[in-house]
C-alpha atoms as a PDB file:
ATOM      1  CA  MET A   1      -0.077   0.148  -0.201  1.00  0.00           C
ATOM      2  CA  GLU A   2       1.449   3.366  -0.988  1.00  0.00           C
ATOM      3  CA  GLN A   3       2.193   5.423   2.337  1.00  0.00           C
ATOM      4  CA  PRO A   4       1.116   9.114   1.756  1.00  0.00           C
ATOM      5  CA  ASN A   5       3.675  11.713   2.926  1.00  0.00           C
ATOM      6  CA  ARG A   6       3.270  13.931   5.712  1.00  0.00           C
ATOM      7  CA  ALA A   7       1.228  16.945   3.924  1.00  0.00           C
ATOM      8  CA  SER A   8      -1.351  14.557   2.640  1.00  0.00           C
ATOM      9  CA  TRP A   9      -2.778  14.276   5.914  1.00  0.00           C
ATOM     10  CA  SER A  10      -4.073  17.717   5.838  1.00  0.00           C
ATOM     11  CA  GLN A  11      -6.793  16.561   3.239  1.00  0.00           C
ATOM     12  CA  ARG A  12      -9.225  14.652   5.395  1.00  0.00           C
ATOM     13  CA  PRO A  13     -11.893  12.689   3.684  1.00  0.00           C
ATOM     14  CA  GLN A  14     -15.359  13.491   5.221  1.00  0.00           C
ATOM     15  CA  ALA A  15     -18.245  10.956   6.018  1.00  0.00           C
ATOM     16  CA  SER A  16     -21.708  11.834   6.122  1.00  0.00           C
ATOM     17  CA  ARG A  17     -23.722  11.944   9.455  1.00  0.00           C
ATOM     18  CA  PRO A  18     -27.125  10.882   9.541  1.00  0.00           C
ATOM     19  CA  LYS A  19     -29.418  12.483  11.855  1.00  0.00           C
ATOM     20  CA  ARG A  20     -31.347   9.624  14.270  1.00  0.00           C
ATOM     21  CA  GLY A  21     -34.345   9.669  15.846  1.00  0.00           C
ATOM     22  CA  VAL A  22     -35.252   8.974  19.431  1.00  0.00           C
ATOM     23  CA  LYS A  23     -36.891   5.499  18.996  1.00  0.00           C
ATOM     24  CA  LYS A  24     -34.016   4.743  16.700  1.00  0.00           C
ATOM     25  CA  GLU A  25     -31.198   5.979  19.127  1.00  0.00           C
ATOM     26  CA  ARG A  26     -33.368   3.941  21.799  1.00  0.00           C
ATOM     27  CA  ILE A  27     -33.044   0.680  19.521  1.00  0.00           C
ATOM     28  CA  LEU A  28     -28.905   1.579  19.296  1.00  0.00           C
ATOM     29  CA  ASP A  29     -28.548   1.786  22.803  1.00  0.00           C
ATOM     30  CA  VAL A  30     -30.242  -1.380  23.832  1.00  0.00           C
ATOM     31  CA  ALA A  31     -28.521  -3.125  21.210  1.00  0.00           C
ATOM     32  CA  THR A  32     -25.241  -1.749  22.193  1.00  0.00           C
ATOM     33  CA  ASP A  33     -25.647  -3.120  25.874  1.00  0.00           C
ATOM     34  CA  TYR A  34     -26.583  -6.623  24.343  1.00  0.00           C
ATOM     35  CA  PHE A  35     -23.810  -6.758  21.708  1.00  0.00           C
ATOM     36  CA  GLY A  36     -21.046  -5.406  24.247  1.00  0.00           C
ATOM     37  CA  THR A  37     -22.243  -7.584  26.928  1.00  0.00           C
ATOM     38  CA  HIS A  38     -23.272 -10.720  25.305  1.00  0.00           C
ATOM     39  CA  GLY A  39     -21.306 -10.403  22.264  1.00  0.00           C
ATOM     40  CA  TYR A  40     -22.819  -9.423  18.620  1.00  0.00           C
ATOM     41  CA  ASN A  41     -23.050 -13.175  17.391  1.00  0.00           C
ATOM     42  CA  ASP A  42     -24.942 -14.246  20.907  1.00  0.00           C
ATOM     43  CA  THR A  43     -27.529 -11.704  20.487  1.00  0.00           C
ATOM     44  CA  LYS A  44     -30.818 -12.426  18.766  1.00  0.00           C
ATOM     45  CA  TRP A  45     -32.324  -9.439  17.011  1.00  0.00           C
ATOM     46  CA  ALA A  46     -35.515 -10.461  18.658  1.00  0.00           C
ATOM     47  CA  ASP A  47     -34.238  -9.880  21.906  1.00  0.00           C
ATOM     48  CA  VAL A  48     -33.429  -6.177  21.239  1.00  0.00           C
ATOM     49  CA  ALA A  49     -36.944  -5.707  19.880  1.00  0.00           C
ATOM     50  CA  SER A  50     -38.259  -7.285  23.137  1.00  0.00           C
ATOM     51  CA  ALA A  51     -36.011  -5.176  25.392  1.00  0.00           C
ATOM     52  CA  VAL A  52     -37.324  -1.862  23.432  1.00  0.00           C
ATOM     53  CA  GLY A  53     -40.665  -2.870  23.667  1.00  0.00           C
ATOM     54  CA  ILE A  54     -41.522  -3.394  20.070  1.00  0.00           C
ATOM     55  CA  GLY A  55     -42.218  -6.039  17.847  1.00  0.00           C
ATOM     56  CA  SER A  56     -39.290  -7.944  15.701  1.00  0.00           C
ATOM     57  CA  THR A  57     -40.625  -6.736  12.374  1.00  0.00           C
ATOM     58  CA  ALA A  58     -40.921  -3.113  13.649  1.00  0.00           C
ATOM     59  CA  LEU A  59     -37.224  -3.285  14.002  1.00  0.00           C
ATOM     60  CA  TYR A  60     -37.015  -3.254  10.022  1.00  0.00           C
ATOM     61  CA  HIS A  61     -38.331   0.058   9.804  1.00  0.00           C
ATOM     62  CA  TYR A  62     -35.286   1.495  11.516  1.00  0.00           C
ATOM     63  CA  PHE A  63     -32.568  -1.294   9.945  1.00  0.00           C
ATOM     64  CA  GLU A  64     -32.485  -3.506   7.422  1.00  0.00           C
ATOM     65  CA  SER A  65     -30.841  -6.028   9.507  1.00  0.00           C
ATOM     66  CA  LYS A  66     -28.835  -6.941  12.851  1.00  0.00           C
ATOM     67  CA  GLN A  67     -25.555  -6.058  10.678  1.00  0.00           C
ATOM     68  CA  HIS A  68     -27.058  -2.833   9.685  1.00  0.00           C
ATOM     69  CA  CYS A  69     -27.843  -2.164  13.250  1.00  0.00           C
ATOM     70  CA  LEU A  70     -23.980  -3.306  14.045  1.00  0.00           C
ATOM     71  CA  TYR A  71     -22.457  -0.503  11.672  1.00  0.00           C
ATOM     72  CA  GLU A  72     -24.804   2.179  12.789  1.00  0.00           C
ATOM     73  CA  ILE A  73     -23.088   1.613  16.314  1.00  0.00           C
ATOM     74  CA  MET A  74     -19.787   1.379  15.208  1.00  0.00           C
ATOM     75  CA  GLY A  75     -20.197   4.707  13.044  1.00  0.00           C
ATOM     76  CA  GLN A  76     -21.812   6.459  15.912  1.00  0.00           C
ATOM     77  CA  THR A  77     -18.710   5.151  18.121  1.00  0.00           C
ATOM     78  CA  LEU A  78     -16.323   6.536  15.801  1.00  0.00           C
ATOM     79  CA  ASP A  79     -18.333   9.766  15.525  1.00  0.00           C
ATOM     80  CA  ALA A  80     -18.042  10.454  19.124  1.00  0.00           C
ATOM     81  CA  PHE A  81     -14.489   9.610  19.555  1.00  0.00           C
ATOM     82  CA  HIS A  82     -13.179  11.468  16.634  1.00  0.00           C
ATOM     83  CA  ASP A  83     -15.712  14.759  17.634  1.00  0.00           C
ATOM     84  CA  ARG A  84     -14.164  14.587  20.916  1.00  0.00           C
ATOM     85  CA  PHE A  85     -10.492  14.402  19.653  1.00  0.00           C
ATOM     86  CA  GLU A  86     -11.090  17.528  17.373  1.00  0.00           C
ATOM     87  CA  ARG A  87     -12.819  19.284  19.849  1.00  0.00           C
ATOM     88  CA  ILE A  88     -10.004  18.798  22.625  1.00  0.00           C
ATOM     89  CA  VAL A  89      -7.027  19.507  19.824  1.00  0.00           C
ATOM     90  CA  ALA A  90      -8.523  22.712  19.056  1.00  0.00           C
ATOM     91  CA  ALA A  91      -8.835  23.798  22.700  1.00  0.00           C
ATOM     92  CA  HIS A  92      -4.932  23.589  23.220  1.00  0.00           C
ATOM     93  CA  ASP A  93      -2.312  25.849  21.581  1.00  0.00           C
ATOM     94  CA  ASN A  94       0.266  23.748  23.189  1.00  0.00           C
ATOM     95  CA  TRP A  95       0.772  20.298  21.325  1.00  0.00           C
ATOM     96  CA  THR A  96       2.095  18.847  24.258  1.00  0.00           C
ATOM     97  CA  ASP A  97      -0.873  19.785  26.066  1.00  0.00           C
ATOM     98  CA  ALA A  98      -3.238  18.596  23.582  1.00  0.00           C
ATOM     99  CA  LEU A  99      -1.821  15.207  23.195  1.00  0.00           C
ATOM    100  CA  LEU A 100      -1.945  14.462  27.003  1.00  0.00           C
ATOM    101  CA  ALA A 101      -5.174  16.018  26.864  1.00  0.00           C
ATOM    102  CA  VAL A 102      -6.744  13.373  23.868  1.00  0.00           C
ATOM    103  CA  LEU A 103      -4.898  10.534  25.392  1.00  0.00           C
ATOM    104  CA  VAL A 104      -6.737  10.963  28.998  1.00  0.00           C
ATOM    105  CA  ASP A 105      -9.929  11.786  27.553  1.00  0.00           C
ATOM    106  CA  ALA A 106     -10.149   8.368  25.805  1.00  0.00           C
ATOM    107  CA  PHE A 107     -10.532   6.525  29.174  1.00  0.00           C
ATOM    108  CA  ASP A 108     -12.954   9.008  30.703  1.00  0.00           C
ATOM    109  CA  LEU A 109     -16.055   7.237  29.353  1.00  0.00           C
ATOM    110  CA  THR A 110     -19.566   6.119  30.666  1.00  0.00           C
ATOM    111  CA  ASP A 111     -20.252   2.210  30.959  1.00  0.00           C
ATOM    112  CA  ARG A 112     -22.247   2.429  27.622  1.00  0.00           C
ATOM    113  CA  GLU A 113     -19.395   4.132  25.979  1.00  0.00           C
ATOM    114  CA  VAL A 114     -17.224   1.198  27.014  1.00  0.00           C
ATOM    115  CA  LEU A 115     -19.373  -1.051  25.621  1.00  0.00           C
ATOM    116  CA  ARG A 116     -19.810   0.759  22.137  1.00  0.00           C
ATOM    117  CA  HIS A 117     -15.876   0.361  22.289  1.00  0.00           C
ATOM    118  CA  ARG A 118     -16.316  -3.382  22.866  1.00  0.00           C
ATOM    119  CA  VAL A 119     -18.340  -3.668  19.755  1.00  0.00           C
ATOM    120  CA  LEU A 120     -16.468  -1.689  17.695  1.00  0.00           C
ATOM    121  CA  VAL A 121     -13.259  -3.397  18.426  1.00  0.00           C
ATOM    122  CA  ALA A 122     -14.780  -6.782  18.303  1.00  0.00           C
ATOM    123  CA  GLN A 123     -16.416  -6.028  14.748  1.00  0.00           C
ATOM    124  CA  ILE A 124     -14.041  -3.597  13.372  1.00  0.00           C
ATOM    125  CA  ALA A 125     -13.027  -6.804  10.809  1.00  0.00           C
ATOM    126  CA  THR A 126     -16.679  -6.834   9.398  1.00  0.00           C
ATOM    127  CA  LEU A 127     -16.182  -3.243   7.997  1.00  0.00           C
ATOM    128  CA  GLY A 128     -14.116  -4.727   4.853  1.00  0.00           C
ATOM    129  CA  GLY A 129     -16.476  -6.562   3.358  1.00  0.00           C
ATOM    130  CA  HIS A 130     -19.363  -5.501   1.040  1.00  0.00           C
ATOM    131  CA  ARG A 131     -22.825  -5.785   1.943  1.00  0.00           C
ATOM    132  CA  THR A 132     -25.711  -6.447  -0.614  1.00  0.00           C
ATOM    133  CA  LEU A 133     -28.410  -4.811   1.136  1.00  0.00           C
ATOM    134  CA  PRO A 134     -28.324  -0.939   0.218  1.00  0.00           C
ATOM    135  CA  ARG A 135     -28.682   0.765   3.563  1.00  0.00           C
ATOM    136  CA  GLU A 136     -26.482  -1.839   5.419  1.00  0.00           C
ATOM    137  CA  GLU A 137     -23.874  -1.239   2.654  1.00  0.00           C
ATOM    138  CA  ALA A 138     -24.076   2.483   3.283  1.00  0.00           C
ATOM    139  CA  ALA A 139     -23.629   2.439   7.110  1.00  0.00           C
ATOM    140  CA  ARG A 140     -20.633  -0.045   6.355  1.00  0.00           C
ATOM    141  CA  ALA A 141     -19.268   2.345   3.899  1.00  0.00           C
ATOM    142  CA  ALA A 142     -19.737   5.334   6.014  1.00  0.00           C
ATOM    143  CA  ALA A 143     -18.320   3.620   9.344  1.00  0.00           C
ATOM    144  CA  ARG A 144     -14.998   2.684   7.189  1.00  0.00           C
ATOM    145  CA  ALA A 145     -14.597   6.144   6.012  1.00  0.00           C
ATOM    146  CA  ARG A 146     -14.957   7.139   9.610  1.00  0.00           C
ATOM    147  CA  VAL A 147     -12.198   5.106  10.304  1.00  0.00           C
ATOM    148  CA  ARG A 148     -10.082   6.666   7.459  1.00  0.00           C
ATOM    149  CA  GLU A 149     -11.335   9.915   9.056  1.00  0.00           C
ATOM    150  CA  LEU A 150      -9.891   9.468  12.437  1.00  0.00           C
ATOM    151  CA  GLU A 151      -6.529   7.932  11.332  1.00  0.00           C
ATOM    152  CA  PHE A 152      -5.828  11.101   9.047  1.00  0.00           C
ATOM    153  CA  SER A 153      -6.836  13.187  12.083  1.00  0.00           C
ATOM    154  CA  TRP A 154      -4.424  11.690  14.211  1.00  0.00           C
ATOM    155  CA  GLY A 155      -1.781  11.254  11.629  1.00  0.00           C
ATOM    156  CA  THR A 156      -1.750  15.332  10.921  1.00  0.00           C
ATOM    157  CA  PHE A 157      -1.850  15.721  14.613  1.00  0.00           C
ATOM    158  CA  LEU A 158       1.614  13.801  15.162  1.00  0.00           C
ATOM    159  CA  ALA A 159       2.894  15.012  11.993  1.00  0.00           C
ATOM    160  CA  ARG A 160       2.747  18.587  13.598  1.00  0.00           C
ATOM    161  CA  GLY A 161       4.194  16.984  16.770  1.00  0.00           C
ATOM    162  CA  MET A 162       7.024  15.905  14.496  1.00  0.00           C
ATOM    163  CA  GLN A 163       7.591  18.944  12.588  1.00  0.00           C
ATOM    164  CA  GLN A 164       7.493  21.174  15.681  1.00  0.00           C
ATOM    165  CA  GLY A 165      10.452  18.852  17.216  1.00  0.00           C
ATOM    166  CA  LEU A 166       8.144  17.344  20.031  1.00  0.00           C
ATOM    167  CA  LEU A 167       8.074  13.660  18.742  1.00  0.00           C
ATOM    168  CA  PRO A 168      10.779  11.398  16.778  1.00  0.00           C
ATOM    169  CA  GLU A 169      10.783  11.583  13.009  1.00  0.00           C
ATOM    170  CA  ASN A 170       8.375   8.711  12.020  1.00  0.00           C
ATOM    171  CA  ASP A 171       5.932   7.322   9.884  1.00  0.00           C
ATOM    172  CA  PRO A 172       2.529   9.235  10.903  1.00  0.00           C
ATOM    173  CA  ARG A 173       0.154   6.523   9.747  1.00  0.00           C
ATOM    174  CA  LEU A 174       2.226   3.617  11.345  1.00  0.00           C
ATOM    175  CA  LEU A 175       2.639   5.690  14.573  1.00  0.00           C
ATOM    176  CA  THR A 176      -1.326   6.749  14.463  1.00  0.00           C
ATOM    177  CA  ARG A 177      -2.190   2.900  13.933  1.00  0.00           C
ATOM    178  CA  ALA A 178       0.146   1.662  16.882  1.00  0.00           C
ATOM    179  CA  VAL A 179      -1.361   4.375  19.294  1.00  0.00           C
ATOM    180  CA  LEU A 180      -4.751   3.554  18.710  1.00  0.00           C
ATOM    181  CA  GLY A 181      -3.774  -0.232  18.269  1.00  0.00           C
ATOM    182  CA  LEU A 182      -2.821   0.089  21.998  1.00  0.00           C
ATOM    183  CA  TYR A 183      -5.734   2.007  22.961  1.00  0.00           C
ATOM    184  CA  ASN A 184      -8.138  -0.819  21.017  1.00  0.00           C
ATOM    185  CA  SER A 185      -6.434  -3.898  22.905  1.00  0.00           C
ATOM    186  CA  VAL A 186      -8.142  -2.724  26.241  1.00  0.00           C
ATOM    187  CA  TRP A 187     -11.546  -3.029  24.651  1.00  0.00           C
ATOM    188  CA  HIS A 188     -10.938  -6.804  24.023  1.00  0.00           C
ATOM    189  CA  TRP A 189     -10.990  -7.348  27.938  1.00  0.00           C
ATOM    190  CA  TYR A 190     -12.256  -4.716  29.831  1.00  0.00           C
ATOM    191  CA  ARG A 191     -15.774  -4.941  31.061  1.00  0.00           C
ATOM    192  CA  PRO A 192     -17.913  -2.267  32.912  1.00  0.00           C
ATOM    193  CA  GLY A 193     -17.654  -2.713  36.457  1.00  0.00           C
ATOM    194  CA  ALA A 194     -14.828  -4.711  36.363  1.00  0.00           C
ATOM    195  CA  ALA A 195     -12.549  -4.910  39.586  1.00  0.00           C
ATOM    196  CA  LEU A 196      -9.583  -3.013  37.879  1.00  0.00           C
ATOM    197  CA  PRO A 197     -11.097   0.498  37.845  1.00  0.00           C
ATOM    198  CA  LEU A 198     -10.855   2.300  34.168  1.00  0.00           C
ATOM    199  CA  GLU A 199      -8.477   4.990  35.453  1.00  0.00           C
ATOM    200  CA  ASP A 200      -5.718   2.635  36.744  1.00  0.00           C
ATOM    201  CA  VAL A 201      -6.079   1.099  33.132  1.00  0.00           C
ATOM    202  CA  GLY A 202      -5.966   4.222  31.494  1.00  0.00           C
ATOM    203  CA  ARG A 203      -3.208   5.434  33.437  1.00  0.00           C
ATOM    204  CA  PHE A 204      -1.230   2.520  32.435  1.00  0.00           C
ATOM    205  CA  ILE A 205      -2.148   2.495  28.866  1.00  0.00           C
ATOM    206  CA  VAL A 206      -1.708   6.287  28.163  1.00  0.00           C
ATOM    207  CA  GLY A 207       2.093   6.010  29.974  1.00  0.00           C
ATOM    208  CA  ARG A 208       2.662   3.279  27.332  1.00  0.00           C
ATOM    209  CA  GLN A 209       1.324   5.211  24.493  1.00  0.00           C
ATOM    210  CA  LEU A 210       3.468   8.409  25.730  1.00  0.00           C
ATOM    211  CA  ALA A 211       6.504   5.896  25.713  1.00  0.00           C
ATOM    212  CA  LEU A 212       5.622   4.665  22.408  1.00  0.00           C
ATOM    213  CA  LEU A 213       5.774   8.100  20.944  1.00  0.00           C
ATOM    214  CA  GLY A 214       8.978   8.879  22.264  1.00  0.00           C
ATOM    215  CA  CYS A 215       7.755  11.771  24.718  1.00  0.00           C
ATOM    216  CA  SER A 216       7.131  11.806  28.283  1.00  0.00           C
ATOM    217  CA  PRO A 217       4.694  14.714  29.721  1.00  0.00           C
ATOM    218  CA  GLU A 218       3.952  14.054  33.335  1.00  0.00           C
ATOM    219  CA  LEU A 219       0.210  12.446  33.925  1.00  0.00           C
ATOM    220  CA  PRO A 220      -2.090  14.746  35.881  1.00  0.00           C
ATOM    221  CA  ALA A 221      -3.050  13.019  39.218  1.00  0.00           C
ATOM    222  CA  ASP A 222      -6.595  13.118  38.355  1.00  0.00           C
ATOM    223  CA  LEU A 223      -7.589  11.316  35.018  1.00  0.00           C
ATOM    224  CA  SER A 224     -11.391  12.329  34.703  1.00  0.00           C
ATOM    225  CA  ARG A 225     -12.362  14.420  31.740  1.00  0.00           C
ATOM    226  CA  ASP A 226     -12.772  17.532  33.457  1.00  0.00           C
ATOM    227  CA  ALA A 227      -9.178  17.306  34.831  1.00  0.00           C
ATOM    228  CA  ALA A 228      -7.717  17.094  31.330  1.00  0.00           C
END
């Protein structure tokens, strides 16, 4: 695969972000709880309908399939993660402060946000295959585009740190995938209510991310979103 030069990171593709109604959001929330807790493959579509309080056939008014719902959840997760990244970076003039803030913020999550990340990481490989149902395929393609958006934003940000002499010279795409890969590894095993607090997990992982990047700003005592 051709590796873009650093300047190309400034051209980030844009994906459409559909509006969602209240009932659709409720279905997405319930499906997130089921997929993130029991696993996508072990969740019955009828169980989601029952928990929402509608008939199974009514689900098809909002989604063509369970897979379609999955792709919407994945896109929603990527949207939120990317939006928070861009907001935090824009709020900091100092690059190192922005880096630390986005790394810390990524672990300040509600239980449902944790479940969304679990679903995304567990099913990310499914974004690679074309789907035959039109709305399902549109949702898959949109979620896949959002992955690229996120990687371009992170790559641009890391490249700026290199240009300022705050990071060692490296391939921004590979470095982006290494940093995000370390973060995503948490959601293979971490569940809401785990004995190990998420803040402790975050402190450990952020320390490893900073070491991987080759910089070592001091971690704050409080890793909450407000503190960052």
